[in-house]
Amino acid sequence: MKIWKKHFTLEQLNQFNAHCAVTHLGIQFSAQGEDWLEATMPVDHRTTQPMGFLHGGISAALAETVASMAGFCCVEEKQAVVGLDINASHLRPVREGVVTARATPIRLGKTTQFWQIDIKDQADKLCCFAKLTLSVVNQ
């Protein structure tokens, strides 16, 4: 099922997010399907905690980034989305490489959206499972 109401290329999504926290963390939108959006993020000095593992809060930031952008692309032209609630379960540590987050909708309502975000390491192992609730607002 196609869910997109706003059509952006991956390059346009990356340009839209330039000069903010998304770029600072090295997050790049990398793939899109009929009902999902993916972004990658390096595991490096910007995204790890003092012990050298991927920071859980940064995993949540990646999850919210990819699902919020997906949610924004699913609403009408004069609408946007804002985060209401995020929950992230960290399943395995990641020390290096790149992680990939895929956001898929659980429910796309007129006023509220629910998204599932799976974050996997380079070995395609699930390292974080997140859920994001978004509120649809008029711009």
N, C-alpha and C. Protein backbone atom coordinates (compact mmCIF):
# COMPACT_ATOMS: atom_id res chain seq x y z
N MET A 1 0.84 -1.17 0.00
CA MET A 1 0.00 0.00 0.00
C MET A 1 0.90 1.25 0.00
N LYS A 2 0.63 2.15 -0.90
CA LYS A 2 1.40 3.40 -0.94
C LYS A 2 0.81 4.37 0.07
N ILE A 3 1.69 4.98 0.85
CA ILE A 3 1.23 5.85 1.93
C ILE A 3 1.64 7.31 1.73
N TRP A 4 2.50 7.57 0.79
CA TRP A 4 3.10 8.91 0.66
C TRP A 4 2.15 9.91 0.02
N LYS A 5 1.99 11.07 0.66
CA LYS A 5 1.21 12.18 0.11
C LYS A 5 2.12 13.30 -0.36
N LYS A 6 3.32 13.36 0.21
CA LYS A 6 4.36 14.30 -0.22
C LYS A 6 5.48 13.46 -0.80
N HIS A 7 5.94 13.83 -1.98
CA HIS A 7 6.93 13.01 -2.67
C HIS A 7 8.26 13.75 -2.74
N PHE A 8 9.23 13.23 -2.01
CA PHE A 8 10.58 13.79 -1.99
C PHE A 8 11.56 12.70 -2.38
N THR A 9 12.62 13.08 -3.07
CA THR A 9 13.70 12.15 -3.31
C THR A 9 14.52 12.04 -2.02
N LEU A 10 15.36 11.02 -1.95
CA LEU A 10 16.23 10.88 -0.79
C LEU A 10 17.16 12.08 -0.68
N GLU A 11 17.64 12.57 -1.81
CA GLU A 11 18.50 13.76 -1.81
C GLU A 11 17.76 14.96 -1.24
N GLN A 12 16.50 15.14 -1.60
CA GLN A 12 15.72 16.26 -1.06
C GLN A 12 15.49 16.11 0.44
N LEU A 13 15.25 14.89 0.91
CA LEU A 13 15.08 14.66 2.35
C LEU A 13 16.36 15.01 3.09
N ASN A 14 17.49 14.62 2.53
CA ASN A 14 18.77 14.93 3.18
C ASN A 14 19.06 16.43 3.16
N GLN A 15 18.74 17.11 2.08
CA GLN A 15 18.93 18.56 2.02
C GLN A 15 18.01 19.27 3.01
N PHE A 16 16.78 18.80 3.14
CA PHE A 16 15.80 19.38 4.05
C PHE A 16 16.30 19.34 5.50
N ASN A 17 17.09 18.32 5.81
CA ASN A 17 17.59 18.13 7.17
C ASN A 17 19.00 18.65 7.39
N ALA A 18 19.54 19.36 6.40
CA ALA A 18 20.89 19.91 6.53
C ALA A 18 20.90 21.01 7.59
N HIS A 19 22.04 21.20 8.23
CA HIS A 19 22.26 22.29 9.19
C HIS A 19 21.44 22.16 10.47
N CYS A 20 21.22 20.91 10.91
CA CYS A 20 20.54 20.70 12.19
C CYS A 20 21.13 19.45 12.85
N ALA A 21 20.54 19.00 13.92
CA ALA A 21 21.05 17.84 14.66
C ALA A 21 21.19 16.61 13.77
N VAL A 22 20.29 16.45 12.83
CA VAL A 22 20.32 15.28 11.93
C VAL A 22 21.67 15.20 11.21
N THR A 23 22.10 16.31 10.65
CA THR A 23 23.38 16.34 9.94
C THR A 23 24.54 16.18 10.93
N HIS A 24 24.45 16.82 12.07
CA HIS A 24 25.51 16.73 13.07
C HIS A 24 25.77 15.27 13.48
N LEU A 25 24.73 14.47 13.57
CA LEU A 25 24.86 13.07 13.95
C LEU A 25 25.23 12.16 12.78
N GLY A 26 25.28 12.71 11.57
CA GLY A 26 25.65 11.92 10.40
C GLY A 26 24.51 11.08 9.84
N ILE A 27 23.28 11.41 10.21
CA ILE A 27 22.11 10.65 9.73
C ILE A 27 21.86 11.00 8.26
N GLN A 28 21.68 9.96 7.45
CA GLN A 28 21.39 10.12 6.02
C GLN A 28 20.21 9.25 5.65
N PHE A 29 19.23 9.82 4.98
CA PHE A 29 18.13 9.01 4.44
C PHE A 29 18.70 8.21 3.28
N SER A 30 18.44 6.90 3.31
CA SER A 30 19.16 6.01 2.40
C SER A 30 18.30 5.15 1.50
N ALA A 31 17.05 4.89 1.86
CA ALA A 31 16.19 4.04 1.04
C ALA A 31 14.74 4.30 1.40
N GLN A 32 13.86 4.03 0.42
CA GLN A 32 12.43 4.24 0.63
C GLN A 32 11.66 3.22 -0.19
N GLY A 33 10.59 2.70 0.40
CA GLY A 33 9.70 1.79 -0.29
C GLY A 33 8.29 2.35 -0.31
N GLU A 34 7.33 1.53 -0.70
CA GLU A 34 5.95 1.99 -0.77
C GLU A 34 5.39 2.37 0.59
N ASP A 35 5.88 1.74 1.66
CA ASP A 35 5.35 2.03 2.99
C ASP A 35 6.43 2.02 4.07
N TRP A 36 7.65 2.39 3.73
CA TRP A 36 8.72 2.47 4.72
C TRP A 36 9.78 3.47 4.26
N LEU A 37 10.54 3.96 5.25
CA LEU A 37 11.64 4.88 4.99
C LEU A 37 12.82 4.44 5.86
N GLU A 38 14.01 4.49 5.28
CA GLU A 38 15.22 4.11 6.01
C GLU A 38 16.20 5.26 6.07
N ALA A 39 16.98 5.24 7.15
CA ALA A 39 18.09 6.18 7.31
C ALA A 39 19.24 5.44 7.98
N THR A 40 20.45 5.88 7.67
CA THR A 40 21.64 5.28 8.28
C THR A 40 22.31 6.32 9.17
N MET A 41 23.13 5.81 10.09
CA MET A 41 23.89 6.68 10.98
C MET A 41 25.19 5.97 11.36
N PRO A 42 26.31 6.69 11.32
CA PRO A 42 27.57 6.07 11.74
C PRO A 42 27.63 5.92 13.25
N VAL A 43 28.33 4.89 13.68
CA VAL A 43 28.62 4.72 15.10
C VAL A 43 30.06 5.21 15.27
N ASP A 44 30.19 6.45 15.74
CA ASP A 44 31.51 7.08 15.88
C ASP A 44 31.49 8.02 17.08
N HIS A 45 32.48 8.89 17.19
CA HIS A 45 32.61 9.78 18.35
C HIS A 45 31.39 10.67 18.57
N ARG A 46 30.59 10.91 17.53
CA ARG A 46 29.39 11.75 17.67
C ARG A 46 28.22 11.00 18.27
N THR A 47 28.24 9.67 18.18
CA THR A 47 27.04 8.89 18.50
C THR A 47 27.25 7.84 19.59
N THR A 48 28.42 7.82 20.20
CA THR A 48 28.67 6.82 21.24
C THR A 48 28.69 7.45 22.63
N GLN A 49 28.52 6.61 23.65
CA GLN A 49 28.64 7.03 25.04
C GLN A 49 30.08 6.78 25.49
N PRO A 50 30.47 7.20 26.70
CA PRO A 50 31.88 7.10 27.13
C PRO A 50 32.50 5.71 27.06
N MET A 51 31.70 4.64 27.18
CA MET A 51 32.25 3.29 27.12
C MET A 51 32.45 2.81 25.68
N GLY A 52 32.09 3.64 24.72
CA GLY A 52 32.33 3.31 23.31
C GLY A 52 31.19 2.62 22.59
N PHE A 53 30.05 2.47 23.25
CA PHE A 53 28.89 1.85 22.61
C PHE A 53 27.95 2.93 22.07
N LEU A 54 27.15 2.56 21.07
CA LEU A 54 26.13 3.46 20.54
C LEU A 54 25.27 3.94 21.70
N HIS A 55 25.11 5.25 21.82
CA HIS A 55 24.35 5.89 22.90
C HIS A 55 22.86 5.61 22.70
N GLY A 56 22.17 5.15 23.74
CA GLY A 56 20.75 4.84 23.63
C GLY A 56 19.90 6.04 23.26
N GLY A 57 20.25 7.21 23.78
CA GLY A 57 19.51 8.42 23.43
C GLY A 57 19.70 8.81 21.97
N ILE A 58 20.87 8.51 21.44
CA ILE A 58 21.12 8.80 20.02
C ILE A 58 20.37 7.80 19.14
N SER A 59 20.25 6.55 19.60
CA SER A 59 19.40 5.58 18.88
C SER A 59 17.97 6.10 18.82
N ALA A 60 17.49 6.65 19.93
CA ALA A 60 16.14 7.21 19.96
C ALA A 60 16.03 8.41 19.03
N ALA A 61 17.08 9.22 18.96
CA ALA A 61 17.08 10.37 18.03
C ALA A 61 17.01 9.89 16.59
N LEU A 62 17.75 8.83 16.26
CA LEU A 62 17.68 8.27 14.90
C LEU A 62 16.28 7.75 14.62
N ALA A 63 15.71 7.03 15.57
CA ALA A 63 14.35 6.49 15.39
C ALA A 63 13.34 7.61 15.17
N GLU A 64 13.42 8.65 16.01
CA GLU A 64 12.47 9.75 15.87
C GLU A 64 12.68 10.51 14.55
N THR A 65 13.92 10.64 14.14
CA THR A 65 14.21 11.34 12.88
C THR A 65 13.59 10.63 11.69
N VAL A 66 13.83 9.34 11.56
CA VAL A 66 13.34 8.63 10.38
C VAL A 66 11.82 8.50 10.39
N ALA A 67 11.23 8.22 11.55
CA ALA A 67 9.77 8.08 11.59
C ALA A 67 9.07 9.43 11.47
N SER A 68 9.63 10.48 12.03
CA SER A 68 9.02 11.81 11.89
C SER A 68 9.02 12.28 10.44
N MET A 69 10.13 12.02 9.74
CA MET A 69 10.18 12.43 8.33
C MET A 69 9.20 11.58 7.51
N ALA A 70 9.11 10.30 7.83
CA ALA A 70 8.13 9.44 7.14
C ALA A 70 6.72 9.95 7.42
N GLY A 71 6.45 10.27 8.69
CA GLY A 71 5.12 10.78 9.04
C GLY A 71 4.79 12.08 8.33
N PHE A 72 5.78 12.96 8.23
CA PHE A 72 5.59 14.23 7.52
C PHE A 72 5.22 14.00 6.06
N CYS A 73 5.80 12.97 5.47
CA CYS A 73 5.52 12.66 4.06
C CYS A 73 4.16 11.99 3.87
N CYS A 74 3.48 11.63 4.98
CA CYS A 74 2.19 10.95 4.90
C CYS A 74 1.00 11.87 5.19
N VAL A 75 1.25 13.16 5.40
CA VAL A 75 0.15 14.08 5.69
C VAL A 75 -0.04 15.06 4.54
N GLU A 76 -1.17 15.74 4.58
CA GLU A 76 -1.51 16.69 3.52
C GLU A 76 -0.52 17.86 3.48
N GLU A 77 -0.54 18.60 2.40
CA GLU A 77 0.44 19.65 2.13
C GLU A 77 0.56 20.70 3.24
N LYS A 78 -0.53 21.10 3.86
CA LYS A 78 -0.47 22.15 4.89
C LYS A 78 -0.46 21.57 6.29
N GLN A 79 0.00 20.32 6.41
CA GLN A 79 0.08 19.67 7.70
C GLN A 79 1.53 19.25 7.98
N ALA A 80 1.81 19.05 9.26
CA ALA A 80 3.11 18.55 9.72
C ALA A 80 2.83 17.55 10.84
N VAL A 81 3.89 16.99 11.38
CA VAL A 81 3.76 16.07 12.52
C VAL A 81 4.73 16.50 13.61
N VAL A 82 4.34 16.23 14.85
CA VAL A 82 5.22 16.48 15.99
C VAL A 82 5.18 15.25 16.90
N GLY A 83 6.29 14.97 17.54
CA GLY A 83 6.38 13.80 18.40
C GLY A 83 5.59 13.96 19.68
N LEU A 84 4.87 12.90 20.07
CA LEU A 84 4.14 12.85 21.33
C LEU A 84 4.81 11.92 22.33
N ASP A 85 5.30 10.77 21.82
CA ASP A 85 5.86 9.77 22.72
C ASP A 85 6.81 8.88 21.93
N ILE A 86 7.94 8.55 22.56
CA ILE A 86 8.86 7.58 21.96
C ILE A 86 9.25 6.57 23.02
N ASN A 87 9.35 5.33 22.59
CA ASN A 87 9.78 4.24 23.45
C ASN A 87 10.82 3.45 22.69
N ALA A 88 11.97 3.22 23.30
CA ALA A 88 13.04 2.48 22.63
C ALA A 88 13.57 1.39 23.54
N SER A 89 13.67 0.19 23.02
CA SER A 89 14.26 -0.94 23.74
C SER A 89 15.58 -1.26 23.07
N HIS A 90 16.66 -1.19 23.85
CA HIS A 90 18.00 -1.42 23.32
C HIS A 90 18.35 -2.89 23.54
N LEU A 91 18.52 -3.62 22.45
CA LEU A 91 18.63 -5.07 22.51
C LEU A 91 20.06 -5.60 22.47
N ARG A 92 20.96 -4.88 21.81
CA ARG A 92 22.35 -5.32 21.75
C ARG A 92 23.24 -4.11 21.53
N PRO A 93 24.45 -4.14 22.08
CA PRO A 93 25.36 -3.00 21.90
C PRO A 93 25.98 -2.99 20.51
N VAL A 94 26.32 -1.79 20.06
CA VAL A 94 27.03 -1.62 18.79
C VAL A 94 28.23 -0.73 19.08
N ARG A 95 29.41 -1.16 18.67
CA ARG A 95 30.64 -0.42 18.92
C ARG A 95 31.13 0.38 17.72
N GLU A 96 30.85 -0.10 16.52
CA GLU A 96 31.40 0.55 15.33
C GLU A 96 30.54 0.25 14.12
N GLY A 97 30.86 0.94 13.04
CA GLY A 97 30.16 0.71 11.78
C GLY A 97 29.02 1.69 11.57
N VAL A 98 27.98 1.18 10.96
CA VAL A 98 26.82 1.99 10.60
C VAL A 98 25.58 1.22 11.04
N VAL A 99 24.59 1.94 11.58
CA VAL A 99 23.30 1.34 11.88
C VAL A 99 22.27 1.88 10.89
N THR A 100 21.26 1.05 10.63
CA THR A 100 20.19 1.42 9.70
C THR A 100 18.86 1.32 10.41
N ALA A 101 18.09 2.40 10.33
CA ALA A 101 16.76 2.45 10.95
C ALA A 101 15.69 2.42 9.86
N ARG A 102 14.73 1.54 10.02
CA ARG A 102 13.59 1.46 9.08
C ARG A 102 12.31 1.76 9.84
N ALA A 103 11.59 2.78 9.37
CA ALA A 103 10.31 3.17 9.96
C ALA A 103 9.18 2.63 9.09
N THR A 104 8.24 1.93 9.73
CA THR A 104 7.04 1.45 9.05
C THR A 104 5.83 1.85 9.89
N PRO A 105 4.73 2.21 9.24
CA PRO A 105 3.57 2.66 10.01
C PRO A 105 2.83 1.50 10.66
N ILE A 106 2.37 1.75 11.86
CA ILE A 106 1.46 0.83 12.54
C ILE A 106 0.03 1.30 12.28
N ARG A 107 -0.17 2.63 12.39
CA ARG A 107 -1.48 3.23 12.11
C ARG A 107 -1.27 4.67 11.68
N LEU A 108 -1.92 5.04 10.58
CA LEU A 108 -1.86 6.42 10.08
C LEU A 108 -3.26 7.03 10.18
N GLY A 109 -3.54 7.66 11.30
CA GLY A 109 -4.84 8.29 11.51
C GLY A 109 -4.84 9.74 11.07
N LYS A 110 -6.00 10.38 11.13
CA LYS A 110 -6.12 11.79 10.73
C LYS A 110 -5.45 12.73 11.73
N THR A 111 -5.39 12.34 13.00
CA THR A 111 -4.81 13.21 14.02
C THR A 111 -3.60 12.61 14.73
N THR A 112 -3.45 11.29 14.63
CA THR A 112 -2.35 10.61 15.31
C THR A 112 -1.79 9.52 14.41
N GLN A 113 -0.46 9.37 14.45
CA GLN A 113 0.21 8.30 13.72
C GLN A 113 1.04 7.48 14.72
N PHE A 114 1.15 6.18 14.44
CA PHE A 114 1.98 5.28 15.23
C PHE A 114 2.97 4.59 14.30
N TRP A 115 4.25 4.64 14.67
CA TRP A 115 5.33 4.09 13.82
C TRP A 115 6.16 3.09 14.60
N GLN A 116 6.61 2.07 13.90
CA GLN A 116 7.59 1.11 14.44
C GLN A 116 8.91 1.37 13.74
N ILE A 117 9.98 1.39 14.51
CA ILE A 117 11.31 1.63 13.95
C ILE A 117 12.23 0.52 14.42
N ASP A 118 12.81 -0.21 13.47
CA ASP A 118 13.80 -1.24 13.77
C ASP A 118 15.16 -0.69 13.39
N ILE A 119 16.10 -0.73 14.32
CA ILE A 119 17.47 -0.29 14.06
C ILE A 119 18.35 -1.53 14.07
N LYS A 120 19.07 -1.72 12.96
CA LYS A 120 19.92 -2.91 12.80
C LYS A 120 21.36 -2.50 12.59
N ASP A 121 22.26 -3.39 13.00
CA ASP A 121 23.68 -3.15 12.78
C ASP A 121 24.08 -3.64 11.39
N GLN A 122 25.37 -3.57 11.09
CA GLN A 122 25.84 -3.96 9.75
C GLN A 122 25.69 -5.45 9.48
N ALA A 123 25.57 -6.25 10.53
CA ALA A 123 25.35 -7.69 10.37
C ALA A 123 23.86 -8.01 10.25
N ASP A 124 23.03 -6.97 10.13
CA ASP A 124 21.58 -7.08 10.01
C ASP A 124 20.94 -7.66 11.27
N LYS A 125 21.59 -7.44 12.42
CA LYS A 125 21.04 -7.87 13.70
C LYS A 125 20.31 -6.70 14.35
N LEU A 126 19.13 -6.98 14.89
CA LEU A 126 18.33 -5.95 15.54
C LEU A 126 19.01 -5.49 16.81
N CYS A 127 19.33 -4.19 16.89
CA CYS A 127 19.98 -3.67 18.10
C CYS A 127 19.05 -2.75 18.88
N CYS A 128 18.01 -2.23 18.24
CA CYS A 128 17.05 -1.37 18.94
C CYS A 128 15.69 -1.49 18.26
N PHE A 129 14.66 -1.56 19.08
CA PHE A 129 13.28 -1.59 18.61
C PHE A 129 12.59 -0.38 19.24
N ALA A 130 12.01 0.48 18.41
CA ALA A 130 11.38 1.70 18.94
C ALA A 130 9.97 1.86 18.38
N LYS A 131 9.16 2.58 19.15
CA LYS A 131 7.81 2.97 18.72
C LYS A 131 7.68 4.47 18.91
N LEU A 132 7.11 5.14 17.94
CA LEU A 132 6.93 6.59 18.00
C LEU A 132 5.48 6.94 17.73
N THR A 133 4.93 7.81 18.57
CA THR A 133 3.59 8.35 18.36
C THR A 133 3.75 9.79 17.91
N LEU A 134 3.09 10.14 16.80
CA LEU A 134 3.14 11.48 16.25
C LEU A 134 1.75 12.10 16.24
N SER A 135 1.69 13.39 16.48
CA SER A 135 0.45 14.15 16.35
C SER A 135 0.48 14.91 15.04
N VAL A 136 -0.60 14.86 14.30
CA VAL A 136 -0.73 15.58 13.03
C VAL A 136 -1.24 16.99 13.37
N VAL A 137 -0.52 18.01 12.91
CA VAL A 137 -0.88 19.40 13.20
C VAL A 137 -0.97 20.20 11.90
N ASN A 138 -1.75 21.28 11.94
CA ASN A 138 -1.80 22.20 10.80
C ASN A 138 -0.64 23.18 10.89
N GLN A 139 -0.05 23.47 9.76
CA GLN A 139 1.09 24.42 9.73
C GLN A 139 0.60 25.85 9.69
